[in-house]
PDB file of all heavy atoms in Angstrom:
ATOM      1  N   ILE A   1      41.591 157.068 -39.982  1.00  0.00           N
ATOM      2  CA  ILE A   1      42.816 156.500 -39.390  1.00  0.00           C
ATOM      3  C   ILE A   1      42.831 156.878 -37.939  1.00  0.00           C
ATOM      4  O   ILE A   1      43.320 156.093 -37.097  1.00  0.00           O
ATOM      5  CB  ILE A   1      43.972 157.170 -40.082  1.00  0.00           C
ATOM      6  CG1 ILE A   1      44.122 156.601 -41.574  1.00  0.00           C
ATOM      7  CG2 ILE A   1      45.387 156.963 -39.347  1.00  0.00           C
ATOM      8  CD1 ILE A   1      45.248 157.220 -42.389  1.00  0.00           C
ATOM      9  N   LYS A   2      42.299 157.994 -37.547  1.00  0.00           N
ATOM     10  CA  LYS A   2      42.280 158.446 -36.180  1.00  0.00           C
ATOM     11  C   LYS A   2      41.176 157.719 -35.379  1.00  0.00           C
ATOM     12  O   LYS A   2      41.098 157.828 -34.242  1.00  0.00           O
ATOM     13  CB  LYS A   2      42.100 159.867 -36.041  1.00  0.00           C
ATOM     14  CG  LYS A   2      43.283 160.730 -36.519  1.00  0.00           C
ATOM     15  CD  LYS A   2      43.048 162.232 -36.312  1.00  0.00           C
ATOM     16  CE  LYS A   2      44.229 163.038 -36.685  1.00  0.00           C
ATOM     17  NZ  LYS A   2      44.118 164.359 -36.418  1.00  0.00           N
ATOM     18  N   GLY A   3      40.422 156.917 -35.934  1.00  0.00           N
ATOM     19  CA  GLY A   3      39.396 156.195 -35.300  1.00  0.00           C
ATOM     20  C   GLY A   3      38.175 157.084 -35.061  1.00  0.00           C
ATOM     21  O   GLY A   3      37.540 156.949 -33.819  1.00  0.00           O
ATOM     22  N   GLY A   4      37.797 157.789 -35.919  1.00  0.00           N
ATOM     23  CA  GLY A   4      36.740 158.804 -35.785  1.00  0.00           C
ATOM     24  C   GLY A   4      35.317 158.054 -35.739  1.00  0.00           C
ATOM     25  O   GLY A   4      35.198 156.903 -35.367  1.00  0.00           O
ATOM     26  N   SER A   5      34.378 158.747 -36.118  1.00  0.00           N
ATOM     27  CA  SER A   5      33.059 158.390 -36.096  1.00  0.00           C
ATOM     28  C   SER A   5      32.653 157.352 -37.126  1.00  0.00           C
ATOM     29  O   SER A   5      31.593 156.825 -37.246  1.00  0.00           O
ATOM     30  CB  SER A   5      31.991 159.537 -36.211  1.00  0.00           C
ATOM     31  OG  SER A   5      32.141 160.146 -37.301  1.00  0.00           O
ATOM     32  N   ASN A   6      33.769 156.985 -38.000  1.00  0.00           N
ATOM     33  CA  ASN A   6      33.371 156.090 -39.157  1.00  0.00           C
ATOM     34  C   ASN A   6      33.508 154.664 -38.701  1.00  0.00           C
ATOM     35  O   ASN A   6      33.405 153.700 -39.510  1.00  0.00           O
ATOM     36  CB  ASN A   6      34.271 156.363 -40.277  1.00  0.00           C
ATOM     37  CG  ASN A   6      34.062 157.591 -40.932  1.00  0.00           C
ATOM     38  OD1 ASN A   6      32.984 158.165 -40.814  1.00  0.00           O
ATOM     39  ND2 ASN A   6      34.989 158.131 -41.796  1.00  0.00           N
ATOM     40  N   THR A   7      33.737 154.299 -37.423  1.00  0.00           N
ATOM     41  CA  THR A   7      33.925 152.952 -36.863  1.00  0.00           C
ATOM     42  C   THR A   7      32.601 152.385 -36.907  1.00  0.00           C
ATOM     43  O   THR A   7      31.600 152.936 -36.361  1.00  0.00           O
ATOM     44  CB  THR A   7      34.592 152.944 -35.516  1.00  0.00           C
ATOM     45  OG1 THR A   7      35.710 153.788 -35.546  1.00  0.00           O
ATOM     46  CG2 THR A   7      34.864 151.598 -35.086  1.00  0.00           C
ATOM     47  N   ALA A   8      32.481 151.169 -37.452  1.00  0.00           N
ATOM     48  CA  ALA A   8      31.150 150.356 -37.503  1.00  0.00           C
ATOM     49  C   ALA A   8      30.790 149.981 -35.989  1.00  0.00           C
ATOM     50  O   ALA A   8      31.623 149.790 -35.173  1.00  0.00           O
ATOM     51  CB  ALA A   8      31.290 149.227 -38.307  1.00  0.00           C
ATOM     52  N   PRO A   9      29.482 149.994 -35.790  1.00  0.00           N
ATOM     53  CA  PRO A   9      29.068 149.639 -34.429  1.00  0.00           C
ATOM     54  C   PRO A   9      29.361 148.195 -34.093  1.00  0.00           C
ATOM     55  O   PRO A   9      29.350 147.343 -34.946  1.00  0.00           O
ATOM     56  CB  PRO A   9      27.449 149.709 -34.468  1.00  0.00           C
ATOM     57  CG  PRO A   9      27.209 150.250 -35.757  1.00  0.00           C
ATOM     58  CD  PRO A   9      28.355 150.340 -36.613  1.00  0.00           C
ATOM     59  N   GLY A  10      29.947 147.966 -32.875  1.00  0.00           N
ATOM     60  CA  GLY A  10      30.309 146.623 -32.538  1.00  0.00           C
ATOM     61  C   GLY A  10      31.809 146.308 -33.032  1.00  0.00           C
ATOM     62  O   GLY A  10      32.323 145.310 -32.530  1.00  0.00           O
ATOM     63  N   ALA A  11      32.431 147.139 -33.819  1.00  0.00           N
ATOM     64  CA  ALA A  11      33.770 146.871 -34.309  1.00  0.00           C
ATOM     65  C   ALA A  11      34.762 147.457 -33.265  1.00  0.00           C
ATOM     66  O   ALA A  11      34.522 148.455 -32.682  1.00  0.00           O
ATOM     67  CB  ALA A  11      33.983 147.501 -35.689  1.00  0.00           C
ATOM     68  N   PHE A  12      36.048 146.822 -33.275  1.00  0.00           N
ATOM     69  CA  PHE A  12      36.992 147.373 -32.357  1.00  0.00           C
ATOM     70  C   PHE A  12      37.769 148.474 -33.021  1.00  0.00           C
ATOM     71  O   PHE A  12      38.178 148.321 -34.186  1.00  0.00           O
ATOM     72  CB  PHE A  12      37.953 146.320 -31.979  1.00  0.00           C
ATOM     73  CG  PHE A  12      37.327 145.219 -31.126  1.00  0.00           C
ATOM     74  CD1 PHE A  12      37.220 143.878 -31.601  1.00  0.00           C
ATOM     75  CD2 PHE A  12      36.887 145.484 -29.833  1.00  0.00           C
ATOM     76  CE1 PHE A  12      36.697 142.982 -30.887  1.00  0.00           C
ATOM     77  CE2 PHE A  12      36.326 144.503 -29.079  1.00  0.00           C
ATOM     78  CZ  PHE A  12      36.239 143.104 -29.613  1.00  0.00           C
ATOM     79  N   PRO A  13      37.866 149.694 -32.383  1.00  0.00           N
ATOM     80  CA  PRO A  13      38.784 150.731 -32.908  1.00  0.00           C
ATOM     81  C   PRO A  13      40.236 150.088 -32.948  1.00  0.00           C
ATOM     82  O   PRO A  13      40.477 149.211 -32.221  1.00  0.00           O
ATOM     83  CB  PRO A  13      38.680 151.907 -32.047  1.00  0.00           C
ATOM     84  CG  PRO A  13      37.387 151.617 -31.238  1.00  0.00           C
ATOM     85  CD  PRO A  13      37.193 150.214 -31.191  1.00  0.00           C
ATOM     86  N   HIS A  14      41.055 150.760 -33.697  1.00  0.00           N
ATOM     87  CA  HIS A  14      42.493 150.268 -33.819  1.00  0.00           C
ATOM     88  C   HIS A  14      43.131 150.160 -32.500  1.00  0.00           C
ATOM     89  O   HIS A  14      43.206 151.142 -31.712  1.00  0.00           O
ATOM     90  CB  HIS A  14      43.224 151.204 -34.689  1.00  0.00           C
ATOM     91  CG  HIS A  14      42.736 151.286 -36.081  1.00  0.00           C
ATOM     92  ND1 HIS A  14      42.815 150.302 -36.998  1.00  0.00           N
ATOM     93  CD2 HIS A  14      42.050 152.339 -36.730  1.00  0.00           C
ATOM     94  CE1 HIS A  14      42.302 150.726 -38.147  1.00  0.00           C
ATOM     95  NE2 HIS A  14      41.815 151.868 -37.986  1.00  0.00           N
ATOM     96  N   GLY A  15      43.672 149.003 -32.077  1.00  0.00           N
ATOM     97  CA  GLY A  15      44.437 148.823 -30.911  1.00  0.00           C
ATOM     98  C   GLY A  15      43.584 148.609 -29.592  1.00  0.00           C
ATOM     99  O   GLY A  15      44.207 148.275 -28.621  1.00  0.00           O
ATOM    100  N   GLU A  16      42.309 148.785 -29.674  1.00  0.00           N
ATOM    101  CA  GLU A  16      41.442 148.553 -28.472  1.00  0.00           C
ATOM    102  C   GLU A  16      40.781 147.267 -28.495  1.00  0.00           C
ATOM    103  O   GLU A  16      40.191 146.953 -29.432  1.00  0.00           O
ATOM    104  CB  GLU A  16      40.549 149.726 -28.342  1.00  0.00           C
ATOM    105  CG  GLU A  16      41.114 151.048 -28.211  1.00  0.00           C
ATOM    106  CD  GLU A  16      40.181 152.238 -28.088  1.00  0.00           C
ATOM    107  OE1 GLU A  16      38.895 151.926 -27.722  1.00  0.00           O
ATOM    108  OE2 GLU A  16      40.453 153.313 -28.371  1.00  0.00           O
ATOM    109  N   ARG A  17      40.779 146.569 -27.435  1.00  0.00           N
ATOM    110  CA  ARG A  17      40.068 145.345 -27.319  1.00  0.00           C
ATOM    111  C   ARG A  17      39.272 145.387 -25.925  1.00  0.00           C
ATOM    112  O   ARG A  17      39.719 145.821 -25.024  1.00  0.00           O
ATOM    113  CB  ARG A  17      40.947 144.110 -27.197  1.00  0.00           C
ATOM    114  CG  ARG A  17      41.928 143.930 -28.348  1.00  0.00           C
ATOM    115  CD  ARG A  17      41.346 143.016 -29.222  1.00  0.00           C
ATOM    116  NE  ARG A  17      42.226 142.967 -30.525  1.00  0.00           N
ATOM    117  CZ  ARG A  17      41.836 142.395 -31.614  1.00  0.00           C
ATOM    118  NH1 ARG A  17      40.625 141.869 -31.657  1.00  0.00           N
ATOM    119  NH2 ARG A  17      42.679 142.336 -32.606  1.00  0.00           N
ATOM    120  N   SER A  18      38.046 144.857 -25.978  1.00  0.00           N
ATOM    121  CA  SER A  18      37.245 144.895 -24.803  1.00  0.00           C
ATOM    122  C   SER A  18      37.412 143.510 -24.093  1.00  0.00           C
ATOM    123  O   SER A  18      37.587 142.496 -24.814  1.00  0.00           O
ATOM    124  CB  SER A  18      35.871 145.139 -25.108  1.00  0.00           C
ATOM    125  OG  SER A  18      35.253 144.037 -25.875  1.00  0.00           O
ATOM    126  N   SER A  19      37.268 143.414 -22.857  1.00  0.00           N
ATOM    127  CA  SER A  19      37.466 142.198 -22.087  1.00  0.00           C
ATOM    128  C   SER A  19      36.112 141.438 -22.042  1.00  0.00           C
ATOM    129  O   SER A  19      35.063 142.122 -22.280  1.00  0.00           O
ATOM    130  CB  SER A  19      37.871 142.461 -20.688  1.00  0.00           C
ATOM    131  OG  SER A  19      36.994 143.230 -19.990  1.00  0.00           O
ATOM    132  N   PRO A  20      36.009 140.124 -21.960  1.00  0.00           N
ATOM    133  CA  PRO A  20      34.715 139.468 -21.913  1.00  0.00           C
ATOM    134  C   PRO A  20      33.927 139.998 -20.656  1.00  0.00           C
ATOM    135  O   PRO A  20      34.443 140.424 -19.670  1.00  0.00           O
ATOM    136  CB  PRO A  20      35.132 137.948 -21.744  1.00  0.00           C
ATOM    137  CG  PRO A  20      36.523 137.945 -21.210  1.00  0.00           C
ATOM    138  CD  PRO A  20      37.149 139.287 -21.732  1.00  0.00           C
ATOM    139  N   PRO A  21      32.619 139.816 -20.791  1.00  0.00           N
ATOM    140  CA  PRO A  21      31.697 140.297 -19.702  1.00  0.00           C
ATOM    141  C   PRO A  21      32.031 139.505 -18.444  1.00  0.00           C
ATOM    142  O   PRO A  21      32.387 138.252 -18.502  1.00  0.00           O
ATOM    143  CB  PRO A  21      30.310 140.107 -20.190  1.00  0.00           C
ATOM    144  CG  PRO A  21      30.451 139.063 -21.297  1.00  0.00           C
ATOM    145  CD  PRO A  21      31.802 139.229 -21.848  1.00  0.00           C
ATOM    146  N   PRO A  22      31.715 140.052 -17.291  1.00  0.00           N
ATOM    147  CA  PRO A  22      32.010 139.341 -16.070  1.00  0.00           C
ATOM    148  C   PRO A  22      30.971 138.153 -15.951  1.00  0.00           C
ATOM    149  O   PRO A  22      29.914 138.246 -16.437  1.00  0.00           O
ATOM    150  CB  PRO A  22      31.764 140.345 -14.961  1.00  0.00           C
ATOM    151  CG  PRO A  22      30.972 141.370 -15.536  1.00  0.00           C
ATOM    152  CD  PRO A  22      31.386 141.385 -16.963  1.00  0.00           C
ATOM    153  N   PRO A  23      31.285 137.051 -15.224  1.00  0.00           N
ATOM    154  CA  PRO A  23      30.310 135.933 -15.100  1.00  0.00           C
ATOM    155  C   PRO A  23      29.179 136.352 -14.322  1.00  0.00           C
ATOM    156  O   PRO A  23      29.199 137.253 -13.454  1.00  0.00           O
ATOM    157  CB  PRO A  23      31.182 134.821 -14.311  1.00  0.00           C
ATOM    158  CG  PRO A  23      32.350 135.537 -13.893  1.00  0.00           C
ATOM    159  CD  PRO A  23      32.551 136.802 -14.689  1.00  0.00           C
ATOM    160  N   VAL A  24      28.060 135.721 -14.536  1.00  0.00           N
ATOM    161  CA  VAL A  24      26.805 135.951 -13.857  1.00  0.00           C
ATOM    162  C   VAL A  24      26.833 135.504 -12.399  1.00  0.00           C
ATOM    163  O   VAL A  24      27.421 134.522 -12.198  1.00  0.00           O
ATOM    164  CB  VAL A  24      25.620 135.323 -14.586  1.00  0.00           C
ATOM    165  CG1 VAL A  24      24.260 135.596 -13.924  1.00  0.00           C
ATOM    166  CG2 VAL A  24      25.526 135.774 -15.991  1.00  0.00           C
ATOM    167  N   ASN A  25      26.318 136.357 -11.446  1.00  0.00           N
ATOM    168  CA  ASN A  25      26.287 135.954 -10.053  1.00  0.00           C
ATOM    169  C   ASN A  25      27.716 135.742  -9.442  1.00  0.00           C
ATOM    170  O   ASN A  25      27.799 135.187  -8.372  1.00  0.00           O
ATOM    171  CB  ASN A  25      25.508 134.688  -9.752  1.00  0.00           C
ATOM    172  CG  ASN A  25      24.119 134.753 -10.193  1.00  0.00           C
ATOM    173  OD1 ASN A  25      23.488 135.805 -10.204  1.00  0.00           O
ATOM    174  ND2 ASN A  25      23.496 133.615 -10.463  1.00  0.00           N
ATOM    175  N   GLY A  26      28.687 136.380 -10.040  1.00  0.00           N
ATOM    176  CA  GLY A  26      30.022 136.326  -9.456  1.00  0.00           C
ATOM    177  C   GLY A  26      30.680 134.959  -9.589  1.00  0.00           C
ATOM    178  O   GLY A  26      31.816 134.814  -9.027  1.00  0.00           O
ATOM    179  N   SER A  27      30.145 133.935 -10.062  1.00  0.00           N
ATOM    180  CA  SER A  27      30.748 132.657 -10.098  1.00  0.00           C
ATOM    181  C   SER A  27      31.553 132.500 -11.346  1.00  0.00           C
ATOM    182  O   SER A  27      31.396 133.104 -12.353  1.00  0.00           O
ATOM    183  CB  SER A  27      29.721 131.563 -10.079  1.00  0.00           C
ATOM    184  OG  SER A  27      28.931 131.646 -11.207  1.00  0.00           O
ATOM    185  N   SER A  28      32.607 131.727 -11.208  1.00  0.00           N
ATOM    186  CA  SER A  28      33.511 131.525 -12.407  1.00  0.00           C
ATOM    187  C   SER A  28      32.871 130.505 -13.343  1.00  0.00           C
ATOM    188  O   SER A  28      32.180 129.568 -12.872  1.00  0.00           O
ATOM    189  CB  SER A  28      34.882 131.043 -11.981  1.00  0.00           C
ATOM    190  OG  SER A  28      34.753 129.743 -11.291  1.00  0.00           O
ATOM    191  N   PRO A  29      32.977 130.599 -14.647  1.00  0.00           N
ATOM    192  CA  PRO A  29      32.455 129.731 -15.589  1.00  0.00           C
ATOM    193  C   PRO A  29      33.082 128.321 -15.463  1.00  0.00           C
ATOM    194  O   PRO A  29      34.327 128.190 -15.331  1.00  0.00           O
ATOM    195  CB  PRO A  29      32.684 130.259 -16.921  1.00  0.00           C
ATOM    196  CG  PRO A  29      33.882 131.284 -16.796  1.00  0.00           C
ATOM    197  CD  PRO A  29      33.748 131.635 -15.339  1.00  0.00           C
ATOM    198  N   THR A  30      32.351 127.260 -15.420  1.00  0.00           N
ATOM    199  CA  THR A  30      32.764 125.891 -15.282  1.00  0.00           C
ATOM    200  C   THR A  30      32.947 125.257 -16.748  1.00  0.00           C
ATOM    201  O   THR A  30      32.037 125.405 -17.556  1.00  0.00           O
ATOM    202  CB  THR A  30      31.837 125.052 -14.378  1.00  0.00           C
ATOM    203  OG1 THR A  30      30.664 125.029 -15.029  1.00  0.00           O
ATOM    204  CG2 THR A  30      31.933 125.594 -13.037  1.00  0.00           C
ATOM    205  N   PRO A  31      34.039 124.533 -16.903  1.00  0.00           N
ATOM    206  CA  PRO A  31      34.115 123.846 -18.296  1.00  0.00           C
ATOM    207  C   PRO A  31      33.105 122.723 -18.300  1.00  0.00           C
ATOM    208  O   PRO A  31      32.778 122.165 -17.357  1.00  0.00           O
ATOM    209  CB  PRO A  31      35.622 123.374 -18.163  1.00  0.00           C
ATOM    210  CG  PRO A  31      35.899 123.253 -16.761  1.00  0.00           C
ATOM    211  CD  PRO A  31      35.194 124.362 -16.056  1.00  0.00           C
ATOM    212  N   PRO A  32      32.748 122.394 -19.592  1.00  0.00           N
ATOM    213  CA  PRO A  32      31.777 121.284 -19.708  1.00  0.00           C
ATOM    214  C   PRO A  32      32.385 119.990 -19.293  1.00  0.00           C
ATOM    215  O   PRO A  32      33.650 119.747 -19.524  1.00  0.00           O
ATOM    216  CB  PRO A  32      31.435 121.244 -21.231  1.00  0.00           C
ATOM    217  CG  PRO A  32      32.589 121.998 -21.861  1.00  0.00           C
ATOM    218  CD  PRO A  32      33.114 122.984 -20.839  1.00  0.00           C
ATOM    219  N   VAL A  33      31.623 119.139 -18.699  1.00  0.00           N
ATOM    220  CA  VAL A  33      32.148 117.813 -18.156  1.00  0.00           C
ATOM    221  C   VAL A  33      32.079 116.814 -19.374  1.00  0.00           C
ATOM    222  O   VAL A  33      30.990 116.722 -19.989  1.00  0.00           O
ATOM    223  CB  VAL A  33      31.192 117.330 -17.049  1.00  0.00           C
ATOM    224  CG1 VAL A  33      31.677 115.903 -16.536  1.00  0.00           C
ATOM    225  CG2 VAL A  33      31.215 118.303 -15.958  1.00  0.00           C
ATOM    226  N   PRO A  34      33.183 116.251 -19.732  1.00  0.00           N
ATOM    227  CA  PRO A  34      33.187 115.257 -20.844  1.00  0.00           C
ATOM    228  C   PRO A  34      32.418 113.998 -20.462  1.00  0.00           C
ATOM    229  O   PRO A  34      32.376 113.589 -19.266  1.00  0.00           O
ATOM    230  CB  PRO A  34      34.639 114.938 -21.068  1.00  0.00           C
ATOM    231  CG  PRO A  34      35.379 115.265 -19.749  1.00  0.00           C
ATOM    232  CD  PRO A  34      34.564 116.330 -19.128  1.00  0.00           C
ATOM    233  N   SER A  35      31.882 113.446 -21.512  1.00  0.00           N
ATOM    234  CA  SER A  35      31.152 112.095 -21.185  1.00  0.00           C
ATOM    235  C   SER A  35      32.074 111.021 -20.991  1.00  0.00           C
ATOM    236  O   SER A  35      33.191 111.111 -21.504  1.00  0.00           O
ATOM    237  CB  SER A  35      30.163 111.802 -22.341  1.00  0.00           C
ATOM    238  OG  SER A  35      30.872 111.670 -23.489  1.00  0.00           O
ATOM    239  N   PRO A  36      31.708 110.047 -20.295  1.00  0.00           N
ATOM    240  CA  PRO A  36      32.675 108.888 -20.075  1.00  0.00           C
ATOM    241  C   PRO A  36      32.884 108.117 -21.328  1.00  0.00           C
ATOM    242  O   PRO A  36      31.979 108.042 -22.196  1.00  0.00           O
ATOM    243  CB  PRO A  36      32.052 108.011 -19.021  1.00  0.00           C
ATOM    244  CG  PRO A  36      30.521 108.418 -19.123  1.00  0.00           C
ATOM    245  CD  PRO A  36      30.558 109.898 -19.506  1.00  0.00           C
ATOM    246  N   PRO A  37      34.067 107.614 -21.499  1.00  0.00           N
ATOM    247  CA  PRO A  37      34.410 106.857 -22.780  1.00  0.00           C
ATOM    248  C   PRO A  37      33.514 105.641 -22.897  1.00  0.00           C
ATOM    249  O   PRO A  37      33.205 104.990 -21.861  1.00  0.00           O
ATOM    250  CB  PRO A  37      35.882 106.555 -22.716  1.00  0.00           C
ATOM    251  CG  PRO A  37      36.180 106.660 -21.277  1.00  0.00           C
ATOM    252  CD  PRO A  37      35.253 107.566 -20.695  1.00  0.00           C
ATOM    253  N   ILE A  38      33.174 105.256 -24.059  1.00  0.00           N
ATOM    254  CA  ILE A  38      32.318 104.089 -24.340  1.00  0.00           C
ATOM    255  C   ILE A  38      33.282 102.867 -24.342  1.00  0.00           C
ATOM    256  O   ILE A  38      34.220 102.898 -25.005  1.00  0.00           O
ATOM    257  CB  ILE A  38      31.567 104.181 -25.651  1.00  0.00           C
ATOM    258  CG1 ILE A  38      30.661 105.381 -25.574  1.00  0.00           C
ATOM    259  CG2 ILE A  38      30.793 102.964 -25.937  1.00  0.00           C
ATOM    260  CD1 ILE A  38      30.014 105.740 -26.867  1.00  0.00           C
TER     261      ILE A  38
END
């Protein structure tokens, strides 16, 4: 319950969330470009 050493590796302890890793080379991620409609 206290979030001791029984937490599985890679699992989030209660109430804690990690933020996503920063983008590579300091650039912001670009969304995929949709293909033109047929």
